[in-house]
Structure formats: C-alpha cells, structure tokens
C-alpha cells in the first residue's frame, strides 16, 4: 500500500512511503488531506454562508417582533378607551340615583327583580373574570413565565449540588492531604497537593456566596432579580482560568503520585467516604471544568423566555456575552497548553532534539510507523534522498505529522528515536499532494 509525496522544489525527489495495511495508508492520506490550507478556506466559506443565513433569519424575527409590539400598543389604546367609557357610564349612573324613589316605598316584586338582577350581574362578572384568568393561564406569555421560573429553580438546585461537590473535594480530599503532607512520613508533598487542587478552595468559597444570594432571591418569589448576582459573580470567575489551564497537569501529577503505594492506599481510604458516593478524586477535579458552559446554557434558556422589554434583559445578555468570551479564552488556552505539552513530549523522545517543535503555532496531527521503500527510476534503484536506507531492503520509519512539518525517525535497538540525517525534517508549507488511482 504505497503513496508518494511530491515536492514542488527543484532537486527534491519524490518521497515514497508504504504501509502494512490499506486502512493505515488511507488514514495517512486522509490526515494529509485534512492538513490542506485550501480545505480550511472552503470550510470557512461554508461557515460564512451559514452565518449570513442566520443573520437574515434574525432580521426577519426582529421585523415580526416590531409588528407584535405595535399590535400590543394598539390593544393598550383600546383598553384605555374602554376604561374611559366605563368611567363615563358610572358617572351617568351616579347622576340618575337621586331621581330614584325611596327604596322602602318600592314594591316587593321590584325588590325581588333587582335582587335577581344583582345575582345575574355578579354571576356574569365572575364568569367574565374566570374567562380572562383562564385565557391568561393558557397564553404564551404565562407559559413562558412558568418555564422561566422552572429554569431559575433548576439553576438553584444545580448550584446547590455543585457547592456540595466542591465541599466534598475540599473537605474529604484537599484538607486531609494537606495534613498528611505535614506528617512525619508524608506520602505526598505540599507542592504536589497545590498542583493537584490549585485554587479549588477559593472556587468553593465563591460559589457558596453565590448560592446564598440565589436562595435569598428565591425567598422573594415571584419577584426574581438575578442580573445583579451575575454582576457580582462575573469579575471573580477569572479564577477559573488558572484551574482550567492546569487541569490536565493536575491529573498528571495525581497519576504520578498514585505510583506511591502509601499515597494510593490513603487516597482509597478517602474515596471510601460515604460522602463521595463511590466517585474518585479525578471525578471531583473535573466538575469545575463544566461550570462555565453550564452557566452559558442556563442564561441562554433564561433569555429565550425573557420578554424583550423585561428589566433584566440587557443585564442577562451582557452576562452571557462575558461568559462566552471567558469560555473561548479558556478553551484556547487549554488547547494551546495541551499542544505545547504534546510537542515537548515528542521532542524529548528524539535523541537529537528538534527545534521546529518549539514553535508554539506547530500543531500535532498524528504519528505512526511507515515503511520507506527505495526509489525506482527506469528499472534501476536510484540513490534514496532520505537517510542511509539500504537500496535492496525496505526500512521501518517512525513518522510524526504536524501542521507545518513532517518528521521521519528511525528507532535504534535500544528503542530510542533518531531523526534521519538527511530529510528527517520535511517542510509542508509549499507542497502538493497527488494521489495516483491507477493500478500501476
């Protein structure tokens, strides 16, 4: 299963590679396809078309919303007109009362008729009021308010559960391990404890305050004002950046500490605590990673059921935009940090080192073993450009594909990797991928 990489530069001969099976070869070709800059441009164009379509939909919804708003204003005007008519009728009724005779001198039959009329008027008013209330209960506005209240109640329950998770993390793991690190024969150092838990205790204190504020707002139901709580919470959420940025490193430190039997035994004792409910420490360390996205989803649902003229609309939209911005920053930082760690891990496995992996914009795509084959020209074996490969034998190469370069290494008998002396580092910035479909 062969494929050839042709270079556009003069003096560079084709690089012929072979895989042990067809699936692996197809994966390599597909991976190089996906590294193409032109594909990224095409994908960007598709996304731009989708964006333009969504903008058009938003504009249409705005026009519809304006029409509904004008209808509501017309109905308010009609209601005011009806109120004024009722006031005029009441004044007319008041003027007619002095001309009525003394009720004591009225005929008993007239009194009975008036009593029946009074009952009928009361029944009609009650029926009309019941219809009005029933119509509002079944209206979209009332349904939207019920869903909004339910979202707020669910958010309070989720926040309570999250605070409990942080409490277990701090009190069942962090503080006991700090004490163990100060013992005569510590199973873990203070530096490792700090690396594993980072600022999780500060995060717990922050969310305890936020949870108390939510409970105070629920106590004033049905009046629910939440925007000022998010105004207080937003400036302090930057503490999540440090936690998220070092999350993978903290799990790595924890895995290294578990190699110590004393620490592993102590950790299992902590995890056996009934408060942990059978969950491991890694699970509790992962919970803060999902809190910011959870807030974004909650605010998105809350805004979907908040009227445009609502007093909290702008504040909630501002909070959602700030959380989305923070989430993007944290995601980019995590991706960059993981990419740098992956590149450095590969660079350390190569005996000679590799300076091009110190470029922070160099992104790892995949690695694996390929078989390098001798080049054939006019029926004769030509001199192979890459490495000291025997002209009569195929050679196994450990290959690493990045966004900018393609590394080719040989593995010594001791298992160490060495870059090929000639052509071990190939630039992919100006190259063309040609796939020959003919059987020959």
Protein backbone atom coordinates (compact mmCIF):
# COMPACT_ATOMS: atom_id res chain seq x y z
CA UNK A 1 0.00 0.00 0.00
CA UNK A 2 2.15 2.83 -1.32
CA UNK A 3 1.71 6.54 -1.58
CA UNK A 4 4.10 9.19 -2.87
CA UNK A 5 4.75 12.74 -1.62
CA UNK A 6 5.97 15.03 -4.43
CA UNK A 7 7.76 18.30 -3.66
CA UNK A 8 7.43 21.41 -5.78
CA UNK A 9 11.05 22.44 -5.26
CA UNK A 10 13.73 21.62 -7.79
CA UNK A 11 16.24 18.99 -6.78
CA UNK A 12 13.87 17.24 -4.37
CA UNK A 13 12.90 13.77 -5.43
CA UNK A 14 9.61 12.13 -4.51
CA UNK A 15 9.20 10.53 -1.09
CA UNK A 16 7.72 7.06 -1.48
CA UNK A 17 6.10 5.55 1.60
CA UNK A 18 4.35 2.27 2.23
CA UNK A 19 2.02 0.97 4.95
CA UNK A 20 1.49 -2.53 6.24
CA UNK A 21 -2.24 -2.41 5.55
CA UNK A 22 -4.66 -0.41 3.41
CA UNK A 23 -6.57 1.16 6.33
CA UNK A 24 -3.44 2.74 7.80
CA UNK A 25 -2.43 4.08 4.38
CA UNK A 26 -5.87 5.61 3.82
CA UNK A 27 -5.71 7.23 7.26
CA UNK A 28 -2.32 8.82 6.45
CA UNK A 29 -3.59 10.16 3.11
CA UNK A 30 -6.79 11.46 4.76
CA UNK A 31 -4.77 13.13 7.53
CA UNK A 32 -2.58 14.93 4.97
CA UNK A 33 -5.73 15.94 3.09
CA UNK A 34 -7.17 17.49 6.24
CA UNK A 35 -3.96 19.47 6.78
CA UNK A 36 -4.60 21.34 3.49
CA UNK A 37 -5.00 25.10 3.79
CA UNK A 38 -7.39 25.20 0.81
CA UNK A 39 -9.84 22.88 2.62
CA UNK A 40 -9.83 25.27 5.55
CA UNK A 41 -10.67 28.16 3.19
CA UNK A 42 -13.58 26.16 1.71
CA UNK A 43 -14.87 25.31 5.17
CA UNK A 44 -14.60 28.97 6.16
CA UNK A 45 -16.65 29.98 3.12
CA UNK A 46 -19.38 27.46 4.04
CA UNK A 47 -19.47 28.79 7.60
CA UNK A 48 -19.73 32.37 6.29
CA UNK A 49 -22.75 31.39 4.16
CA UNK A 50 -24.40 29.83 7.22
CA UNK A 51 -23.67 32.96 9.22
CA UNK A 52 -25.25 35.21 6.57
CA UNK A 53 -28.33 32.95 6.53
CA UNK A 54 -28.67 33.17 10.33
CA UNK A 55 -28.33 36.97 10.20
CA UNK A 56 -31.18 37.11 7.71
CA UNK A 57 -33.34 34.97 9.99
CA UNK A 58 -32.57 37.27 12.94
CA UNK A 59 -33.57 40.35 10.90
CA UNK A 60 -36.86 38.66 9.94
CA UNK A 61 -37.58 37.85 13.60
CA UNK A 62 -36.89 41.48 14.54
CA UNK A 63 -39.45 42.69 11.97
CA UNK A 64 -42.04 40.22 13.31
CA UNK A 65 -41.31 41.35 16.89
CA UNK A 66 -41.85 45.01 15.92
CA UNK A 67 -45.21 44.14 14.35
CA UNK A 68 -46.31 42.32 17.50
CA UNK A 69 -45.18 45.28 19.60
CA UNK A 70 -47.32 47.66 17.50
CA UNK A 71 -50.32 45.35 17.93
CA UNK A 72 -49.83 45.40 21.71
CA UNK A 73 -49.71 49.20 21.67
CA UNK A 74 -52.97 49.33 19.69
CA UNK A 75 -54.62 46.98 22.17
CA UNK A 76 -53.42 49.14 25.10
CA UNK A 77 -55.03 52.15 23.40
CA UNK A 78 -58.29 50.23 23.00
CA UNK A 79 -58.22 49.23 26.68
CA UNK A 80 -57.77 52.86 27.74
CA UNK A 81 -60.72 53.86 25.56
CA UNK A 82 -62.94 51.20 27.13
CA UNK A 83 -61.88 52.34 30.60
CA UNK A 84 -62.88 55.90 29.80
CA UNK A 85 -66.29 54.69 28.58
CA UNK A 86 -66.79 52.74 31.83
CA UNK A 87 -65.95 55.85 33.86
CA UNK A 88 -68.48 57.89 31.82
CA UNK A 89 -71.17 55.26 32.35
CA UNK A 90 -70.52 55.21 36.10
CA UNK A 91 -70.89 59.00 36.25
CA UNK A 92 -74.18 58.78 34.38
CA UNK A 93 -75.39 56.15 36.82
CA UNK A 94 -74.47 58.35 39.79
CA UNK A 95 -76.49 61.23 38.32
CA UNK A 96 -79.56 59.00 37.92
CA UNK A 97 -79.62 57.82 41.55
CA UNK A 98 -81.14 61.00 43.13
CA UNK A 99 -84.20 60.65 40.92
CA UNK A 100 -84.90 57.14 42.23
CA UNK A 101 -87.61 56.79 44.80
CA UNK A 102 -87.15 55.68 48.35
CA UNK A 103 -86.25 52.00 48.44
CA UNK A 104 -88.53 51.48 51.44
CA UNK A 105 -91.55 52.53 49.37
CA UNK A 106 -90.65 50.23 46.48
CA UNK A 107 -92.89 47.39 45.53
CA UNK A 108 -91.78 43.95 46.89
CA UNK A 109 -91.84 42.49 43.38
CA UNK A 110 -89.45 45.23 42.22
CA UNK A 111 -87.11 44.36 45.08
CA UNK A 112 -87.14 40.69 44.04
CA UNK A 113 -86.43 41.61 40.43
CA UNK A 114 -83.49 43.82 41.49
CA UNK A 115 -82.16 41.03 43.69
CA UNK A 116 -82.32 38.58 40.79
CA UNK A 117 -80.62 41.14 38.54
CA UNK A 118 -77.89 41.64 41.15
CA UNK A 119 -77.23 37.89 41.29
CA UNK A 120 -77.15 37.74 37.48
CA UNK A 121 -74.71 40.65 37.23
CA UNK A 122 -72.44 39.05 39.83
CA UNK A 123 -72.56 35.71 38.03
CA UNK A 124 -71.77 37.36 34.68
CA UNK A 125 -68.82 39.30 36.20
CA UNK A 126 -67.42 36.16 37.83
CA UNK A 127 -67.77 34.21 34.60
CA UNK A 128 -66.08 37.00 32.63
CA UNK A 129 -63.23 37.25 35.16
CA UNK A 130 -62.78 33.48 35.14
CA UNK A 131 -62.53 33.55 31.34
CA UNK A 132 -59.94 36.31 31.47
CA UNK A 133 -57.84 34.43 34.05
CA UNK A 134 -58.20 31.17 32.15
CA UNK A 135 -57.13 32.85 28.89
CA UNK A 136 -54.03 34.28 30.54
CA UNK A 137 -53.11 30.94 32.12
CA UNK A 138 -53.25 29.34 28.65
CA UNK A 139 -51.49 32.26 26.93
CA UNK A 140 -47.91 32.01 25.56
CA UNK A 141 -46.74 34.73 27.98
CA UNK A 142 -47.89 32.79 31.03
CA UNK A 143 -46.34 29.58 29.67
CA UNK A 144 -43.07 31.43 29.05
CA UNK A 145 -43.07 32.79 32.62
CA UNK A 146 -43.67 29.30 34.03
CA UNK A 147 -40.74 27.93 32.04
CA UNK A 148 -38.57 30.85 33.16
CA UNK A 149 -39.37 30.19 36.80
CA UNK A 150 -38.62 26.49 36.33
CA UNK A 151 -35.22 27.34 34.80
CA UNK A 152 -34.39 29.52 37.81
CA UNK A 153 -35.45 26.78 40.25
CA UNK A 154 -33.34 24.21 38.37
CA UNK A 155 -30.36 26.60 38.44
CA UNK A 156 -30.64 26.92 42.22
CA UNK A 157 -30.77 23.12 42.59
CA UNK A 158 -27.76 22.68 40.26
CA UNK A 159 -25.81 25.34 42.16
CA UNK A 160 -26.59 23.60 45.45
CA UNK A 161 -25.33 20.29 44.03
CA UNK A 162 -22.18 21.95 42.67
CA UNK A 163 -21.40 23.59 46.03
CA UNK A 164 -21.78 20.18 47.68
CA UNK A 165 -19.34 18.65 45.17
CA UNK A 166 -16.78 21.37 45.90
CA UNK A 167 -17.33 20.87 49.63
CA UNK A 168 -16.54 17.15 49.29
CA UNK A 169 -13.46 17.93 47.16
CA UNK A 170 -12.08 20.37 49.76
CA UNK A 171 -13.07 18.64 52.99
CA UNK A 172 -12.66 14.98 52.02
CA UNK A 173 -9.50 15.31 49.90
CA UNK A 174 -7.71 18.69 49.94
CA UNK A 175 -7.59 19.40 53.68
CA UNK A 176 -6.81 15.78 54.74
CA UNK A 177 -3.99 15.60 52.16
CA UNK A 178 -2.57 18.88 53.43
CA UNK A 179 -2.42 17.36 56.90
CA UNK A 180 -0.85 14.19 55.51
CA UNK A 181 1.81 16.29 53.71
CA UNK A 182 2.78 17.78 57.08
CA UNK A 183 3.15 14.39 58.80
CA UNK A 184 6.44 12.80 59.83
CA UNK A 185 6.47 10.47 56.81
CA UNK A 186 4.44 12.38 54.21
CA UNK A 187 3.00 10.26 51.37
CA UNK A 188 2.76 13.45 49.25
CA UNK A 189 4.50 16.82 49.21
CA UNK A 190 2.83 20.20 49.68
CA UNK A 191 3.86 21.19 46.15
CA UNK A 192 2.06 18.17 44.70
CA UNK A 193 -1.06 18.97 46.76
CA UNK A 194 -1.04 22.53 45.40
CA UNK A 195 -0.51 21.26 41.83
CA UNK A 196 -3.42 18.79 42.09
CA UNK A 197 -6.02 21.04 43.74
CA UNK A 198 -4.84 24.51 42.63
CA UNK A 199 -7.38 27.14 43.80
CA UNK A 200 -10.36 24.79 44.27
CA UNK A 201 -10.87 26.06 47.84
CA UNK A 202 -11.25 29.65 46.58
CA UNK A 203 -13.75 28.44 43.97
CA UNK A 204 -15.78 26.76 46.72
CA UNK A 205 -15.93 29.99 48.79
CA UNK A 206 -17.03 31.95 45.71
CA UNK A 207 -19.90 29.61 44.88
CA UNK A 208 -21.05 29.39 48.49
CA UNK A 209 -21.59 33.18 48.38
CA UNK A 210 -23.35 32.94 45.00
CA UNK A 211 -25.59 30.11 46.26
CA UNK A 212 -26.63 32.12 49.33
CA UNK A 213 -27.57 35.01 47.05
CA UNK A 214 -29.69 32.71 44.87
CA UNK A 215 -31.54 31.35 47.88
CA UNK A 216 -32.26 34.90 49.08
CA UNK A 217 -33.74 35.74 45.66
CA UNK A 218 -35.94 32.62 45.69
CA UNK A 219 -37.28 33.66 49.11
CA UNK A 220 -38.73 36.78 47.41
CA UNK A 221 -40.53 34.78 44.71
CA UNK A 222 -42.43 35.62 42.46
CA UNK A 223 -40.13 38.67 42.20
CA UNK A 224 -36.89 37.22 40.77
CA UNK A 225 -34.00 39.63 40.13
CA UNK A 226 -30.85 37.70 39.15
CA UNK A 227 -28.83 40.11 37.00
CA UNK A 228 -27.12 41.85 39.93
CA UNK A 229 -25.94 38.46 41.23
CA UNK A 230 -24.19 37.76 37.92
CA UNK A 231 -22.72 41.28 38.01
CA UNK A 232 -21.05 40.30 41.28
CA UNK A 233 -20.03 36.83 40.04
CA UNK A 234 -18.51 37.78 36.66
CA UNK A 235 -15.39 39.69 37.83
CA UNK A 236 -14.42 36.77 40.10
CA UNK A 237 -14.77 34.00 37.51
CA UNK A 238 -11.24 34.66 36.22
CA UNK A 239 -10.03 32.31 38.97
CA UNK A 240 -11.36 29.50 36.73
CA UNK A 241 -8.73 30.29 34.10
CA UNK A 242 -5.90 29.03 36.29
CA UNK A 243 -7.82 25.89 37.26
CA UNK A 244 -8.84 25.02 33.69
CA UNK A 245 -5.41 25.85 32.24
CA UNK A 246 -3.65 23.42 34.60
CA UNK A 247 -6.35 20.73 34.78
CA UNK A 248 -4.50 18.16 32.64
CA UNK A 249 -1.27 18.84 34.51
CA UNK A 250 -3.01 18.29 37.87
CA UNK A 251 -4.36 14.91 36.68
CA UNK A 252 -0.86 14.00 35.52
CA UNK A 253 0.62 14.90 38.92
CA UNK A 254 -2.10 12.84 40.61
CA UNK A 255 -1.30 9.85 38.39
CA UNK A 256 2.39 10.14 39.27
CA UNK A 257 1.58 10.33 42.99
CA UNK A 258 -0.52 7.17 42.72
CA UNK A 259 2.68 5.28 41.93
CA UNK A 260 3.46 5.68 45.63
CA UNK A 261 1.77 2.78 47.44
CA UNK A 262 1.31 4.74 50.67
CA UNK A 263 -0.42 7.59 48.86
CA UNK A 264 -2.59 5.23 46.79
CA UNK A 265 -3.71 3.40 49.91
CA UNK A 266 -4.50 6.69 51.71
CA UNK A 267 -6.42 8.01 48.69
CA UNK A 268 -8.57 4.90 48.51
CA UNK A 269 -9.47 5.41 52.17
CA UNK A 270 -10.62 8.95 51.37
CA UNK A 271 -12.60 7.78 48.35
CA UNK A 272 -14.38 5.18 50.52
CA UNK A 273 -16.02 8.03 52.46
CA UNK A 274 -19.83 7.77 52.09
CA UNK A 275 -19.94 11.47 51.07
CA UNK A 276 -18.02 10.59 47.88
CA UNK A 277 -20.78 8.16 46.81
CA UNK A 278 -18.24 5.89 45.13
CA UNK A 279 -16.71 8.67 42.99
CA UNK A 280 -12.96 9.03 42.55
CA UNK A 281 -10.88 12.15 43.13
CA UNK A 282 -10.45 12.64 39.36
CA UNK A 283 -14.23 12.98 39.04
CA UNK A 284 -14.40 15.81 41.59
CA UNK A 285 -11.45 17.58 39.93
CA UNK A 286 -13.36 17.52 36.63
CA UNK A 287 -16.60 19.15 37.90
CA UNK A 288 -15.31 22.80 37.74
CA UNK A 289 -14.39 22.28 34.08
CA UNK A 290 -18.08 22.23 33.09
CA UNK A 291 -19.42 25.03 35.31
CA UNK A 292 -18.86 27.98 32.95
CA UNK A 293 -20.53 26.19 29.97
CA UNK A 294 -23.42 25.27 32.30
CA UNK A 295 -23.95 28.94 33.20
CA UNK A 296 -23.91 29.87 29.48
CA UNK A 297 -26.59 27.26 28.69
CA UNK A 298 -28.73 28.39 31.63
CA UNK A 299 -28.55 32.06 30.61
CA UNK A 300 -29.36 31.12 27.00
CA UNK A 301 -32.50 29.27 28.15
CA UNK A 302 -33.40 32.11 30.54
CA UNK A 303 -33.16 34.72 27.79
CA UNK A 304 -35.30 32.57 25.49
CA UNK A 305 -38.18 33.03 27.99
CA UNK A 306 -37.46 36.64 28.98
CA UNK A 307 -39.52 39.33 27.16
CA UNK A 308 -37.57 41.98 25.23
CA UNK A 309 -38.95 44.75 27.43
CA UNK A 310 -38.04 42.90 30.66
CA UNK A 311 -35.99 44.94 33.13
CA UNK A 312 -33.27 42.22 33.30
CA UNK A 313 -32.96 41.56 29.57
CA UNK A 314 -29.87 43.69 28.87
CA UNK A 315 -28.07 42.64 32.06
CA UNK A 316 -28.58 38.93 31.34
CA UNK A 317 -27.41 39.38 27.73
CA UNK A 318 -24.28 41.16 28.97
CA UNK A 319 -23.58 38.36 31.47
CA UNK A 320 -24.00 35.71 28.74
CA UNK A 321 -21.63 37.54 26.36
CA UNK A 322 -18.98 37.88 29.09
CA UNK A 323 -19.25 34.19 30.00
CA UNK A 324 -18.96 33.17 26.34
CA UNK A 325 -15.87 35.36 25.96
CA UNK A 326 -14.32 33.81 29.08
CA UNK A 327 -15.17 30.31 27.83
CA UNK A 328 -13.47 30.98 24.48
CA UNK A 329 -10.35 32.30 26.18
CA UNK A 330 -10.15 29.26 28.48
CA UNK A 331 -10.73 26.86 25.57
CA UNK A 332 -7.94 28.48 23.53
CA UNK A 333 -5.56 28.41 26.48
CA UNK A 334 -6.29 24.74 27.18
CA UNK A 335 -5.77 23.84 23.51
CA UNK A 336 -2.51 25.78 23.30
CA UNK A 337 -1.21 24.31 26.58
CA UNK A 338 -2.05 20.73 25.57
CA UNK A 339 -0.48 21.24 22.15
CA UNK A 340 2.75 22.59 23.67
CA UNK A 341 2.93 19.67 26.12
CA UNK A 342 2.38 17.16 23.31
CA UNK A 343 5.09 18.75 21.15
CA UNK A 344 7.56 18.85 24.04
CA UNK A 345 6.82 15.20 24.88
CA UNK A 346 7.67 14.20 21.27
CA UNK A 347 10.75 16.45 21.26
CA UNK A 348 12.05 14.75 24.41
CA UNK A 349 11.74 11.28 22.82
CA UNK A 350 14.06 12.30 19.95
CA UNK A 351 17.69 11.89 20.97
CA UNK A 352 19.00 14.80 18.87
CA UNK A 353 16.06 17.04 19.79
CA UNK A 354 14.08 19.02 17.24
CA UNK A 355 14.00 22.83 17.27
CA UNK A 356 10.97 23.14 14.99
CA UNK A 357 8.78 21.58 17.73
CA UNK A 358 9.49 24.59 19.95
CA UNK A 359 7.27 26.69 17.67
CA UNK A 360 4.03 27.29 19.63
CA UNK A 361 2.00 27.50 16.40
CA UNK A 362 3.10 23.98 15.37
CA UNK A 363 0.13 21.66 15.95
CA UNK A 364 0.41 17.86 16.23
CA UNK A 365 -1.88 15.83 13.93
CA UNK A 366 -0.85 12.16 14.15
CA UNK A 367 2.03 9.69 14.45
CA UNK A 368 2.72 6.11 13.45
CA UNK A 369 5.02 3.65 11.72
CA UNK A 370 5.52 3.69 7.93
CA UNK A 371 7.69 1.59 5.64
CA UNK A 372 10.09 3.58 3.46
CA UNK A 373 10.76 1.95 0.10
CA UNK A 374 13.67 2.50 -2.34
CA UNK A 375 13.01 4.82 -5.29
CA UNK A 376 12.93 3.16 -8.72
CA UNK A 377 13.85 5.03 -11.89
CA UNK A 378 13.99 3.34 -15.31
CA UNK A 379 14.21 -0.11 -13.81
CA UNK A 380 17.23 0.71 -11.67
CA UNK A 381 17.46 1.51 -7.97
CA UNK A 382 18.34 5.16 -7.61
CA UNK A 383 20.02 6.81 -4.66
CA UNK A 384 17.42 7.43 -1.96
CA UNK A 385 17.28 11.01 -0.74
CA UNK A 386 16.08 10.21 2.77
CA UNK A 387 18.57 8.60 5.11
CA UNK A 388 21.07 5.78 4.82
CA UNK A 389 18.47 3.25 3.66
CA UNK A 390 19.75 0.11 2.00
CA UNK A 391 18.91 0.06 -1.70
CA UNK A 392 17.70 -3.53 -1.54
CA UNK A 393 15.69 -3.51 1.68
CA UNK A 394 12.69 -1.60 2.93
CA UNK A 395 13.02 0.28 6.21
CA UNK A 396 10.53 0.99 9.00
CA UNK A 397 10.26 4.64 10.00
CA UNK A 398 8.52 6.29 12.93
CA UNK A 399 6.74 9.32 11.44
CA UNK A 400 5.16 12.40 13.06
CA UNK A 401 2.79 14.67 11.12
CA UNK A 402 2.39 18.31 12.17
CA UNK A 403 0.66 21.28 10.52
CA UNK A 404 3.94 22.66 9.19
CA UNK A 405 6.42 19.75 9.14
CA UNK A 406 6.69 16.01 8.65
CA UNK A 407 9.28 14.25 10.86
CA UNK A 408 10.85 10.90 9.91
CA UNK A 409 12.76 8.99 12.59
CA UNK A 410 14.48 5.64 12.93
CA UNK A 411 14.28 3.58 16.10
CA UNK A 412 17.52 2.10 17.44
CA UNK A 413 17.83 -1.31 19.07
CA UNK A 414 17.51 0.38 22.46
CA UNK A 415 14.15 1.86 21.46
CA UNK A 416 15.38 5.46 21.11
CA UNK A 417 14.28 7.66 18.22
CA UNK A 418 16.78 9.37 15.88
CA UNK A 419 15.95 11.88 13.14
CA UNK A 420 17.17 10.88 9.68
CA UNK A 421 20.40 12.72 8.97
CA UNK A 422 19.14 13.75 5.54
CA UNK A 423 15.50 14.70 5.05
CA UNK A 424 14.39 13.87 8.59
CA UNK A 425 12.50 17.17 8.82
CA UNK A 426 10.32 17.96 5.78
CA UNK A 427 8.52 21.30 5.39
CA UNK A 428 4.85 21.10 4.38
CA UNK A 429 4.37 24.82 3.77
CA UNK A 430 4.76 24.57 -0.04
CA UNK A 431 3.85 21.03 -1.07
CA UNK A 432 1.30 19.34 -3.30
CA UNK A 433 -0.45 16.05 -2.56
CA UNK A 434 -1.00 13.85 -5.64
CA UNK A 435 -2.91 10.57 -5.30
CA UNK A 436 -2.48 8.15 -8.21
CA UNK A 437 -5.51 5.91 -8.64
CA UNK A 438 -4.09 3.73 -11.43
CA UNK A 439 -3.19 0.17 -10.53
CA UNK A 440 0.34 0.57 -11.97
